[in-house]
Amino acid sequence: NFRNWVSRLERYFGLVALPPDRRTSVMLLNLASDPTHTARCLGIRDATEFKEAKKRLMNYYSPEETPEELRSRFQMRKQESAESIEEFARDLRILGSRAFPRAPDEMMDLLLVQQFVGGITDQDTKARLILKRCKDLNEAVSAARISEVANKTIKGHRTQAILALGGGDRYTPTGQNEWREAGYSRDNRGGHGD
């Protein structure tokens, strides 16, 4: 995120007490792309005032999104594969506040919960959240965490059952009907006779 990069760079300038007339040069040297080409295209030179150079680069690398683009991004937002529930919720909160800046609190809670539930990748967790009908995002995040723990526990029990049956290289029934169909009784499921 270019905005975050500029923010960190400005903190660095403050820490090393870099004089204002050197800030544009240092910023251009630290750009990931070819700084000479980018600067030339944007009309930025070493002598360009830092505030103006920053403004031009922000418009180039991170243009402001229209309200429609922000809303669309919010509505399309799904949990990424390596993203935790907390990270996903935090990003939704930020994106939601930008996409719907004037939404009343009740409306924002509803939008955040709907998008959070709809964007969760784990289908069991999603189903539990739909049934729970959470009132706000904090409640939804707590319920999702509990669901994750439940999913891990269930997975652990399934693994134990597979091992008790002599390995996992054959089909392993998971539900009560599947156990019966596979010819297993309650008594020979590896000690899980409940």
N, C-alpha and C. Protein backbone atom coordinates (compact mmCIF):
# COMPACT_ATOMS: atom_id res chain seq x y z
N ASN A 1 0.85 -1.18 0.00
CA ASN A 1 0.00 0.00 0.00
C ASN A 1 0.89 1.24 0.00
N PHE A 2 0.77 2.04 -1.04
CA PHE A 2 1.64 3.20 -1.20
C PHE A 2 1.43 4.22 -0.09
N ARG A 3 0.20 4.41 0.33
CA ARG A 3 -0.08 5.37 1.41
C ARG A 3 0.65 4.99 2.70
N ASN A 4 0.65 3.71 3.03
CA ASN A 4 1.37 3.25 4.21
C ASN A 4 2.87 3.45 4.06
N TRP A 5 3.38 3.19 2.85
CA TRP A 5 4.80 3.37 2.58
C TRP A 5 5.21 4.83 2.80
N VAL A 6 4.41 5.75 2.28
CA VAL A 6 4.71 7.18 2.44
C VAL A 6 4.64 7.58 3.91
N SER A 7 3.67 7.04 4.62
CA SER A 7 3.54 7.34 6.05
C SER A 7 4.78 6.88 6.82
N ARG A 8 5.27 5.67 6.53
CA ARG A 8 6.49 5.17 7.18
C ARG A 8 7.69 6.03 6.80
N LEU A 9 7.75 6.43 5.54
CA LEU A 9 8.86 7.26 5.07
C LEU A 9 8.86 8.61 5.79
N GLU A 10 7.70 9.19 5.99
CA GLU A 10 7.61 10.47 6.71
C GLU A 10 8.03 10.32 8.17
N ARG A 11 7.69 9.19 8.78
CA ARG A 11 8.16 8.94 10.16
C ARG A 11 9.68 8.84 10.19
N TYR A 12 10.25 8.19 9.17
CA TYR A 12 11.70 8.08 9.06
C TYR A 12 12.33 9.47 8.93
N PHE A 13 11.74 10.31 8.09
CA PHE A 13 12.27 11.67 7.93
C PHE A 13 12.31 12.39 9.27
N GLY A 14 11.27 12.21 10.07
CA GLY A 14 11.23 12.84 11.39
C GLY A 14 12.29 12.29 12.33
N LEU A 15 12.50 10.97 12.29
CA LEU A 15 13.48 10.34 13.18
C LEU A 15 14.91 10.77 12.88
N VAL A 16 15.23 10.90 11.60
CA VAL A 16 16.61 11.27 11.23
C VAL A 16 16.75 12.78 11.00
N ALA A 17 15.67 13.52 11.25
CA ALA A 17 15.66 14.97 11.09
C ALA A 17 16.18 15.39 9.71
N LEU A 18 15.63 14.74 8.69
CA LEU A 18 16.04 15.05 7.31
C LEU A 18 15.51 16.43 6.92
N PRO A 19 16.37 17.29 6.42
CA PRO A 19 15.91 18.63 6.02
C PRO A 19 14.86 18.55 4.91
N PRO A 20 13.85 19.42 4.93
CA PRO A 20 12.77 19.39 3.95
C PRO A 20 13.24 19.41 2.50
N ASP A 21 14.34 20.11 2.19
CA ASP A 21 14.80 20.21 0.81
C ASP A 21 15.43 18.91 0.30
N ARG A 22 15.67 17.92 1.17
CA ARG A 22 16.25 16.64 0.76
C ARG A 22 15.21 15.51 0.69
N ARG A 23 14.01 15.77 1.17
CA ARG A 23 13.00 14.71 1.30
C ARG A 23 12.52 14.15 -0.04
N THR A 24 12.35 15.01 -1.02
CA THR A 24 11.91 14.53 -2.34
C THR A 24 12.96 13.61 -2.94
N SER A 25 14.23 13.98 -2.85
CA SER A 25 15.31 13.15 -3.40
C SER A 25 15.35 11.78 -2.74
N VAL A 26 15.23 11.75 -1.42
CA VAL A 26 15.25 10.47 -0.70
C VAL A 26 14.04 9.63 -1.07
N MET A 27 12.88 10.25 -1.19
CA MET A 27 11.67 9.51 -1.57
C MET A 27 11.84 8.90 -2.96
N LEU A 28 12.36 9.67 -3.91
CA LEU A 28 12.54 9.15 -5.27
C LEU A 28 13.53 8.00 -5.31
N LEU A 29 14.57 8.06 -4.48
CA LEU A 29 15.55 6.96 -4.45
C LEU A 29 14.97 5.67 -3.90
N ASN A 30 13.93 5.77 -3.09
CA ASN A 30 13.35 4.60 -2.45
C ASN A 30 12.13 4.02 -3.16
N LEU A 31 11.76 4.57 -4.29
CA LEU A 31 10.64 4.02 -5.04
C LEU A 31 11.00 2.65 -5.59
N ALA A 32 10.05 1.74 -5.62
CA ALA A 32 10.29 0.39 -6.11
C ALA A 32 10.51 0.37 -7.62
N SER A 33 9.79 1.20 -8.35
CA SER A 33 9.96 1.23 -9.81
C SER A 33 11.09 2.20 -10.15
N ASP A 34 11.42 2.29 -11.42
CA ASP A 34 12.50 3.17 -11.88
C ASP A 34 12.17 4.62 -11.51
N PRO A 35 12.87 5.18 -10.52
CA PRO A 35 12.52 6.52 -10.04
C PRO A 35 12.71 7.62 -11.08
N THR A 36 13.70 7.47 -11.92
CA THR A 36 13.95 8.51 -12.92
C THR A 36 12.79 8.59 -13.91
N HIS A 37 12.34 7.44 -14.38
CA HIS A 37 11.24 7.40 -15.33
C HIS A 37 9.94 7.91 -14.70
N THR A 38 9.63 7.42 -13.50
CA THR A 38 8.41 7.83 -12.81
C THR A 38 8.43 9.33 -12.54
N ALA A 39 9.54 9.80 -12.02
CA ALA A 39 9.66 11.23 -11.71
C ALA A 39 9.52 12.08 -12.98
N ARG A 40 10.14 11.66 -14.06
CA ARG A 40 10.06 12.41 -15.31
C ARG A 40 8.63 12.45 -15.81
N CYS A 41 7.94 11.32 -15.77
CA CYS A 41 6.55 11.26 -16.22
C CYS A 41 5.65 12.18 -15.40
N LEU A 42 5.92 12.29 -14.12
CA LEU A 42 5.08 13.09 -13.22
C LEU A 42 5.60 14.51 -13.06
N GLY A 43 6.70 14.84 -13.73
CA GLY A 43 7.26 16.19 -13.63
C GLY A 43 7.91 16.47 -12.27
N ILE A 44 8.39 15.43 -11.61
CA ILE A 44 9.01 15.60 -10.30
C ILE A 44 10.53 15.60 -10.46
N ARG A 45 11.16 16.58 -9.87
CA ARG A 45 12.61 16.69 -9.85
C ARG A 45 13.05 16.73 -8.39
N ASP A 46 14.35 16.61 -8.14
CA ASP A 46 14.86 16.67 -6.77
C ASP A 46 14.46 17.98 -6.08
N ALA A 47 14.35 19.04 -6.86
CA ALA A 47 14.03 20.35 -6.29
C ALA A 47 12.53 20.56 -6.03
N THR A 48 11.69 19.62 -6.51
CA THR A 48 10.25 19.74 -6.29
C THR A 48 9.96 19.66 -4.79
N GLU A 49 9.10 20.56 -4.32
CA GLU A 49 8.74 20.55 -2.91
C GLU A 49 8.14 19.19 -2.55
N PHE A 50 8.52 18.67 -1.39
CA PHE A 50 8.11 17.33 -0.97
C PHE A 50 6.59 17.17 -0.96
N LYS A 51 5.89 18.15 -0.45
CA LYS A 51 4.43 18.06 -0.37
C LYS A 51 3.81 17.88 -1.76
N GLU A 52 4.31 18.61 -2.73
CA GLU A 52 3.81 18.50 -4.10
C GLU A 52 4.20 17.17 -4.73
N ALA A 53 5.44 16.75 -4.52
CA ALA A 53 5.91 15.47 -5.06
C ALA A 53 5.08 14.32 -4.47
N LYS A 54 4.82 14.37 -3.17
CA LYS A 54 4.02 13.34 -2.50
C LYS A 54 2.61 13.29 -3.10
N LYS A 55 2.02 14.46 -3.31
CA LYS A 55 0.67 14.53 -3.88
C LYS A 55 0.63 13.88 -5.26
N ARG A 56 1.60 14.20 -6.11
CA ARG A 56 1.62 13.64 -7.46
C ARG A 56 1.82 12.12 -7.43
N LEU A 57 2.73 11.67 -6.56
CA LEU A 57 2.98 10.23 -6.47
C LEU A 57 1.77 9.49 -5.89
N MET A 58 1.10 10.09 -4.92
CA MET A 58 -0.11 9.47 -4.35
C MET A 58 -1.17 9.30 -5.44
N ASN A 59 -1.35 10.32 -6.25
CA ASN A 59 -2.33 10.23 -7.34
C ASN A 59 -1.93 9.19 -8.39
N TYR A 60 -0.62 9.01 -8.56
CA TYR A 60 -0.12 8.03 -9.53
C TYR A 60 -0.23 6.60 -9.01
N TYR A 61 0.28 6.36 -7.80
CA TYR A 61 0.32 5.01 -7.24
C TYR A 61 -0.94 4.59 -6.51
N SER A 62 -1.64 5.53 -5.93
CA SER A 62 -2.79 5.20 -5.10
C SER A 62 -3.89 6.25 -5.27
N PRO A 63 -4.50 6.28 -6.45
CA PRO A 63 -5.53 7.30 -6.68
C PRO A 63 -6.72 7.09 -5.75
N GLU A 64 -7.37 8.17 -5.40
CA GLU A 64 -8.56 8.09 -4.55
C GLU A 64 -9.65 7.31 -5.29
N GLU A 65 -10.28 6.43 -4.56
CA GLU A 65 -11.36 5.66 -5.14
C GLU A 65 -12.67 6.43 -5.00
N THR A 66 -13.52 6.28 -5.98
CA THR A 66 -14.83 6.91 -5.91
C THR A 66 -15.67 6.16 -4.88
N PRO A 67 -16.73 6.77 -4.37
CA PRO A 67 -17.61 6.06 -3.43
C PRO A 67 -18.16 4.75 -4.02
N GLU A 68 -18.46 4.76 -5.31
CA GLU A 68 -18.98 3.55 -5.95
C GLU A 68 -17.92 2.45 -5.96
N GLU A 69 -16.67 2.82 -6.24
CA GLU A 69 -15.59 1.83 -6.25
C GLU A 69 -15.37 1.25 -4.85
N LEU A 70 -15.43 2.11 -3.83
CA LEU A 70 -15.26 1.65 -2.45
C LEU A 70 -16.38 0.69 -2.06
N ARG A 71 -17.61 1.03 -2.41
CA ARG A 71 -18.75 0.15 -2.09
C ARG A 71 -18.62 -1.18 -2.80
N SER A 72 -18.21 -1.14 -4.04
CA SER A 72 -18.03 -2.37 -4.81
C SER A 72 -16.93 -3.23 -4.19
N ARG A 73 -15.83 -2.61 -3.80
CA ARG A 73 -14.74 -3.34 -3.16
C ARG A 73 -15.20 -3.97 -1.85
N PHE A 74 -16.00 -3.23 -1.08
CA PHE A 74 -16.55 -3.74 0.17
C PHE A 74 -17.44 -4.96 -0.10
N GLN A 75 -18.31 -4.85 -1.09
CA GLN A 75 -19.25 -5.94 -1.38
C GLN A 75 -18.57 -7.16 -1.98
N MET A 76 -17.42 -6.98 -2.60
CA MET A 76 -16.70 -8.10 -3.21
C MET A 76 -15.68 -8.71 -2.25
N ARG A 77 -15.47 -8.10 -1.10
CA ARG A 77 -14.42 -8.53 -0.17
C ARG A 77 -14.75 -9.89 0.44
N LYS A 78 -13.82 -10.82 0.28
CA LYS A 78 -13.93 -12.17 0.84
C LYS A 78 -12.67 -12.44 1.66
N GLN A 79 -12.77 -13.35 2.60
CA GLN A 79 -11.61 -13.73 3.40
C GLN A 79 -10.60 -14.42 2.50
N GLU A 80 -9.34 -14.01 2.60
CA GLU A 80 -8.28 -14.63 1.81
C GLU A 80 -7.80 -15.90 2.51
N SER A 81 -7.17 -16.80 1.76
CA SER A 81 -6.84 -18.13 2.29
C SER A 81 -5.96 -18.08 3.54
N ALA A 82 -4.98 -17.22 3.61
CA ALA A 82 -4.09 -17.18 4.77
C ALA A 82 -4.50 -16.10 5.77
N GLU A 83 -5.64 -15.50 5.58
CA GLU A 83 -6.08 -14.37 6.40
C GLU A 83 -6.86 -14.86 7.63
N SER A 84 -6.49 -14.37 8.80
CA SER A 84 -7.21 -14.75 10.01
C SER A 84 -8.58 -14.06 10.04
N ILE A 85 -9.44 -14.57 10.90
CA ILE A 85 -10.77 -13.97 11.07
C ILE A 85 -10.63 -12.52 11.53
N GLU A 86 -9.70 -12.29 12.46
CA GLU A 86 -9.50 -10.93 12.99
C GLU A 86 -9.01 -9.97 11.92
N GLU A 87 -8.07 -10.42 11.08
CA GLU A 87 -7.56 -9.57 10.01
C GLU A 87 -8.66 -9.24 9.00
N PHE A 88 -9.44 -10.24 8.66
CA PHE A 88 -10.55 -10.04 7.73
C PHE A 88 -11.54 -9.02 8.30
N ALA A 89 -11.91 -9.18 9.56
CA ALA A 89 -12.85 -8.26 10.20
C ALA A 89 -12.28 -6.84 10.27
N ARG A 90 -11.01 -6.72 10.61
CA ARG A 90 -10.37 -5.40 10.71
C ARG A 90 -10.39 -4.69 9.35
N ASP A 91 -10.07 -5.44 8.28
CA ASP A 91 -10.07 -4.84 6.95
C ASP A 91 -11.48 -4.44 6.53
N LEU A 92 -12.47 -5.28 6.86
CA LEU A 92 -13.86 -4.94 6.55
C LEU A 92 -14.29 -3.66 7.26
N ARG A 93 -13.90 -3.53 8.52
CA ARG A 93 -14.25 -2.34 9.30
C ARG A 93 -13.71 -1.07 8.63
N ILE A 94 -12.44 -1.12 8.23
CA ILE A 94 -11.80 0.03 7.58
C ILE A 94 -12.47 0.32 6.25
N LEU A 95 -12.64 -0.71 5.44
CA LEU A 95 -13.25 -0.55 4.13
C LEU A 95 -14.70 -0.07 4.26
N GLY A 96 -15.43 -0.62 5.23
CA GLY A 96 -16.82 -0.21 5.45
C GLY A 96 -16.93 1.25 5.85
N SER A 97 -16.03 1.70 6.71
CA SER A 97 -16.09 3.10 7.14
C SER A 97 -15.76 4.06 5.98
N ARG A 98 -14.94 3.59 5.05
CA ARG A 98 -14.64 4.42 3.87
C ARG A 98 -15.76 4.35 2.83
N ALA A 99 -16.37 3.16 2.69
CA ALA A 99 -17.42 2.97 1.67
C ALA A 99 -18.74 3.60 2.09
N PHE A 100 -19.02 3.61 3.40
CA PHE A 100 -20.29 4.12 3.90
C PHE A 100 -20.04 5.10 5.07
N PRO A 101 -19.39 6.23 4.79
CA PRO A 101 -18.98 7.13 5.87
C PRO A 101 -20.14 7.74 6.66
N ARG A 102 -21.29 7.86 6.07
CA ARG A 102 -22.42 8.50 6.76
C ARG A 102 -23.47 7.50 7.25
N ALA A 103 -23.17 6.22 7.17
CA ALA A 103 -24.15 5.21 7.59
C ALA A 103 -24.33 5.26 9.10
N PRO A 104 -25.59 5.22 9.57
CA PRO A 104 -25.83 5.15 11.01
C PRO A 104 -25.23 3.86 11.58
N ASP A 105 -24.94 3.85 12.88
CA ASP A 105 -24.29 2.71 13.52
C ASP A 105 -25.03 1.39 13.29
N GLU A 106 -26.36 1.41 13.43
CA GLU A 106 -27.14 0.18 13.22
C GLU A 106 -26.98 -0.36 11.80
N MET A 107 -27.02 0.54 10.84
CA MET A 107 -26.86 0.15 9.43
C MET A 107 -25.45 -0.39 9.19
N MET A 108 -24.44 0.27 9.77
CA MET A 108 -23.05 -0.17 9.59
C MET A 108 -22.87 -1.56 10.20
N ASP A 109 -23.44 -1.78 11.40
CA ASP A 109 -23.35 -3.11 12.02
C ASP A 109 -23.95 -4.17 11.11
N LEU A 110 -25.11 -3.90 10.55
CA LEU A 110 -25.77 -4.84 9.66
C LEU A 110 -24.91 -5.12 8.42
N LEU A 111 -24.39 -4.08 7.79
CA LEU A 111 -23.56 -4.25 6.60
C LEU A 111 -22.30 -5.06 6.90
N LEU A 112 -21.63 -4.73 8.02
CA LEU A 112 -20.40 -5.42 8.37
C LEU A 112 -20.65 -6.90 8.66
N VAL A 113 -21.70 -7.19 9.41
CA VAL A 113 -22.01 -8.59 9.73
C VAL A 113 -22.36 -9.37 8.47
N GLN A 114 -23.19 -8.79 7.61
CA GLN A 114 -23.57 -9.48 6.37
C GLN A 114 -22.34 -9.78 5.51
N GLN A 115 -21.46 -8.80 5.36
CA GLN A 115 -20.30 -9.01 4.51
C GLN A 115 -19.31 -9.98 5.16
N PHE A 116 -19.17 -9.90 6.46
CA PHE A 116 -18.28 -10.81 7.19
C PHE A 116 -18.77 -12.25 7.02
N VAL A 117 -20.04 -12.49 7.29
CA VAL A 117 -20.59 -13.84 7.18
C VAL A 117 -20.50 -14.33 5.74
N GLY A 118 -20.86 -13.49 4.80
CA GLY A 118 -20.81 -13.88 3.39
C GLY A 118 -19.40 -14.12 2.88
N GLY A 119 -18.41 -13.48 3.50
CA GLY A 119 -17.04 -13.57 3.03
C GLY A 119 -16.19 -14.61 3.72
N ILE A 120 -16.71 -15.25 4.78
CA ILE A 120 -15.96 -16.29 5.49
C ILE A 120 -15.75 -17.48 4.56
N THR A 121 -14.54 -18.00 4.50
CA THR A 121 -14.25 -19.10 3.57
C THR A 121 -14.69 -20.46 4.10
N ASP A 122 -14.64 -20.67 5.41
CA ASP A 122 -15.03 -21.96 5.98
C ASP A 122 -16.55 -22.08 5.98
N GLN A 123 -17.05 -23.07 5.27
CA GLN A 123 -18.50 -23.22 5.11
C GLN A 123 -19.22 -23.59 6.41
N ASP A 124 -18.57 -24.39 7.27
CA ASP A 124 -19.19 -24.74 8.56
C ASP A 124 -19.34 -23.49 9.43
N THR A 125 -18.30 -22.69 9.46
CA THR A 125 -18.35 -21.45 10.25
C THR A 125 -19.42 -20.52 9.68
N LYS A 126 -19.47 -20.42 8.37
CA LYS A 126 -20.48 -19.57 7.72
C LYS A 126 -21.89 -20.01 8.12
N ALA A 127 -22.13 -21.32 8.07
CA ALA A 127 -23.46 -21.85 8.43
C ALA A 127 -23.80 -21.54 9.89
N ARG A 128 -22.82 -21.71 10.77
CA ARG A 128 -23.07 -21.40 12.19
C ARG A 128 -23.39 -19.92 12.39
N LEU A 129 -22.66 -19.06 11.68
CA LEU A 129 -22.89 -17.62 11.81
C LEU A 129 -24.26 -17.21 11.27
N ILE A 130 -24.69 -17.84 10.21
CA ILE A 130 -26.01 -17.55 9.65
C ILE A 130 -27.08 -17.90 10.68
N LEU A 131 -26.95 -19.06 11.31
CA LEU A 131 -27.92 -19.48 12.32
C LEU A 131 -27.88 -18.58 13.57
N LYS A 132 -26.72 -18.08 13.91
CA LYS A 132 -26.56 -17.28 15.13
C LYS A 132 -27.18 -15.89 15.00
N ARG A 133 -27.19 -15.33 13.80
CA ARG A 133 -27.76 -13.99 13.56
C ARG A 133 -27.13 -12.94 14.49
N CYS A 134 -25.85 -12.74 14.35
CA CYS A 134 -25.09 -11.81 15.19
C CYS A 134 -25.58 -10.37 14.99
N LYS A 135 -25.52 -9.60 16.08
CA LYS A 135 -25.98 -8.21 16.05
C LYS A 135 -24.93 -7.24 15.56
N ASP A 136 -23.65 -7.57 15.81
CA ASP A 136 -22.58 -6.68 15.36
C ASP A 136 -21.34 -7.49 15.00
N LEU A 137 -20.34 -6.82 14.47
CA LEU A 137 -19.15 -7.51 13.98
C LEU A 137 -18.37 -8.15 15.12
N ASN A 138 -18.31 -7.51 16.28
CA ASN A 138 -17.59 -8.10 17.42
C ASN A 138 -18.19 -9.45 17.79
N GLU A 139 -19.51 -9.52 17.85
CA GLU A 139 -20.20 -10.77 18.17
C GLU A 139 -19.92 -11.81 17.09
N ALA A 140 -19.93 -11.40 15.84
CA ALA A 140 -19.67 -12.33 14.73
C ALA A 140 -18.24 -12.88 14.78
N VAL A 141 -17.28 -12.02 15.11
CA VAL A 141 -15.88 -12.46 15.20
C VAL A 141 -15.73 -13.46 16.35
N SER A 142 -16.35 -13.18 17.49
CA SER A 142 -16.28 -14.11 18.63
C SER A 142 -16.90 -15.46 18.26
N ALA A 143 -18.05 -15.43 17.62
CA ALA A 143 -18.72 -16.67 17.21
C ALA A 143 -17.88 -17.43 16.19
N ALA A 144 -17.22 -16.71 15.28
CA ALA A 144 -16.37 -17.36 14.27
C ALA A 144 -15.16 -18.02 14.93
N ARG A 145 -14.59 -17.37 15.94
CA ARG A 145 -13.46 -17.96 16.67
C ARG A 145 -13.90 -19.27 17.34
N ILE A 146 -15.05 -19.24 18.00
CA ILE A 146 -15.58 -20.44 18.65
C ILE A 146 -15.81 -21.54 17.61
N SER A 147 -16.33 -21.17 16.46
CA SER A 147 -16.56 -22.14 15.40
C SER A 147 -15.25 -22.75 14.91
N GLU A 148 -14.21 -21.94 14.80
CA GLU A 148 -12.89 -22.46 14.38
C GLU A 148 -12.39 -23.52 15.36
N VAL A 149 -12.55 -23.23 16.66
CA VAL A 149 -12.14 -24.20 17.68
C VAL A 149 -12.95 -25.47 17.54
N ALA A 150 -14.26 -25.34 17.34
CA ALA A 150 -15.13 -26.51 17.15
C ALA A 150 -14.70 -27.32 15.93
N ASN A 151 -14.38 -26.63 14.84
CA ASN A 151 -13.94 -27.32 13.62
C ASN A 151 -12.66 -28.11 13.87
N LYS A 152 -11.71 -27.52 14.60
CA LYS A 152 -10.45 -28.22 14.90
C LYS A 152 -10.71 -29.43 15.78
N THR A 153 -11.62 -29.30 16.75
CA THR A 153 -11.96 -30.41 17.63
C THR A 153 -12.59 -31.55 16.84
N ILE A 154 -13.53 -31.20 15.97
CA ILE A 154 -14.19 -32.22 15.14
C ILE A 154 -13.17 -32.91 14.24
N LYS A 155 -12.29 -32.14 13.65
CA LYS A 155 -11.25 -32.71 12.78
C LYS A 155 -10.36 -33.66 13.57
N GLY A 156 -10.03 -33.28 14.81
CA GLY A 156 -9.22 -34.15 15.67
C GLY A 156 -9.91 -35.46 15.97
N HIS A 157 -11.22 -35.40 16.24
CA HIS A 157 -11.99 -36.62 16.50
C HIS A 157 -12.06 -37.51 15.25
N ARG A 158 -12.22 -36.90 14.10
CA ARG A 158 -12.25 -37.68 12.85
C ARG A 158 -10.92 -38.38 12.63
N THR A 159 -9.82 -37.66 12.91
CA THR A 159 -8.50 -38.25 12.75
C THR A 159 -8.33 -39.43 13.69
N GLN A 160 -8.76 -39.29 14.93
CA GLN A 160 -8.69 -40.38 15.90
C GLN A 160 -9.50 -41.58 15.42
N ALA A 161 -10.68 -41.33 14.87
CA ALA A 161 -11.53 -42.42 14.38
C ALA A 161 -10.86 -43.14 13.22
N ILE A 162 -10.24 -42.40 12.34
CA ILE A 162 -9.55 -43.00 11.19
C ILE A 162 -8.42 -43.89 11.68
N LEU A 163 -7.64 -43.37 12.62
CA LEU A 163 -6.52 -44.15 13.15
C LEU A 163 -7.00 -45.39 13.87
N ALA A 164 -8.12 -45.27 14.60
CA ALA A 164 -8.66 -46.41 15.33
C ALA A 164 -9.15 -47.51 14.39
N LEU A 165 -9.55 -47.13 13.19
CA LEU A 165 -10.03 -48.10 12.20
C LEU A 165 -8.89 -48.68 11.38
N GLY A 166 -7.68 -48.26 11.64
CA GLY A 166 -6.54 -48.87 10.96
C GLY A 166 -5.98 -48.07 9.81
N GLY A 167 -6.12 -46.79 9.80
CA GLY A 167 -5.49 -45.99 8.75
C GLY A 167 -6.47 -45.13 8.02
N GLY A 168 -5.96 -44.28 7.20
CA GLY A 168 -6.80 -43.33 6.49
C GLY A 168 -6.75 -43.47 5.00
N ASP A 169 -6.27 -44.64 4.50
CA ASP A 169 -6.15 -44.78 3.06
C ASP A 169 -7.41 -45.34 2.41
N ARG A 170 -8.46 -45.54 3.18
CA ARG A 170 -9.73 -45.98 2.60
C ARG A 170 -10.81 -44.97 3.00
N TYR A 171 -11.98 -45.10 2.45
CA TYR A 171 -13.08 -44.18 2.74
C TYR A 171 -13.41 -44.23 4.23
N THR A 172 -13.53 -43.06 4.83
CA THR A 172 -13.86 -42.98 6.25
C THR A 172 -15.19 -42.27 6.41
N PRO A 173 -16.22 -42.96 6.91
CA PRO A 173 -17.52 -42.33 7.13
C PRO A 173 -17.42 -41.23 8.17
N THR A 174 -18.22 -40.19 8.03
CA THR A 174 -18.19 -39.08 8.97
C THR A 174 -19.49 -38.88 9.72
N GLY A 175 -20.62 -39.19 9.14
CA GLY A 175 -21.91 -39.01 9.80
C GLY A 175 -22.47 -40.34 10.27
N GLN A 176 -23.50 -40.28 11.13
CA GLN A 176 -24.09 -41.48 11.71
C GLN A 176 -24.62 -42.43 10.63
N ASN A 177 -25.33 -41.90 9.64
CA ASN A 177 -25.86 -42.73 8.56
C ASN A 177 -24.74 -43.35 7.73
N GLU A 178 -23.68 -42.57 7.49
CA GLU A 178 -22.56 -43.09 6.71
C GLU A 178 -21.88 -44.24 7.45
N TRP A 179 -21.79 -44.16 8.77
CA TRP A 179 -21.22 -45.26 9.56
C TRP A 179 -22.04 -46.53 9.37
N ARG A 180 -23.37 -46.40 9.45
CA ARG A 180 -24.24 -47.57 9.27
C ARG A 180 -24.09 -48.14 7.87
N GLU A 181 -24.12 -47.25 6.86
CA GLU A 181 -24.01 -47.70 5.47
C GLU A 181 -22.69 -48.40 5.21
N ALA A 182 -21.65 -48.00 5.93
CA ALA A 182 -20.34 -48.62 5.73
C ALA A 182 -20.21 -49.94 6.49
N GLY A 183 -21.27 -50.30 7.29
CA GLY A 183 -21.26 -51.57 7.97
C GLY A 183 -20.67 -51.54 9.37
N TYR A 184 -20.50 -50.36 9.92
CA TYR A 184 -19.96 -50.25 11.26
C TYR A 184 -21.09 -50.04 12.25
N SER A 185 -20.97 -50.66 13.41
CA SER A 185 -21.94 -50.42 14.47
C SER A 185 -21.37 -49.38 15.42
N ARG A 186 -22.17 -48.95 16.38
CA ARG A 186 -21.71 -47.98 17.37
C ARG A 186 -20.52 -48.54 18.17
N ASP A 187 -20.47 -49.87 18.30
CA ASP A 187 -19.47 -50.48 19.17
C ASP A 187 -18.09 -50.59 18.54
N ASN A 188 -17.97 -50.52 17.23
CA ASN A 188 -16.64 -50.69 16.64
C ASN A 188 -16.14 -49.44 15.91
N ARG A 189 -16.40 -48.27 16.45
CA ARG A 189 -15.94 -47.01 15.86
C ARG A 189 -14.74 -46.46 16.60
N GLY A 190 -13.99 -47.27 17.27
CA GLY A 190 -12.80 -46.79 17.93
C GLY A 190 -13.09 -46.09 19.25
N GLY A 191 -14.09 -46.57 19.99
CA GLY A 191 -14.36 -46.03 21.31
C GLY A 191 -15.25 -44.81 21.31
N HIS A 192 -15.85 -44.45 20.19
CA HIS A 192 -16.72 -43.27 20.12
C HIS A 192 -18.17 -43.72 20.08
N GLY A 193 -18.63 -44.49 21.05
CA GLY A 193 -19.97 -45.06 21.02
C GLY A 193 -21.02 -44.19 21.63
N ASP A 194 -21.01 -42.88 21.37
CA ASP A 194 -22.03 -42.00 21.95
C ASP A 194 -23.16 -41.74 21.01
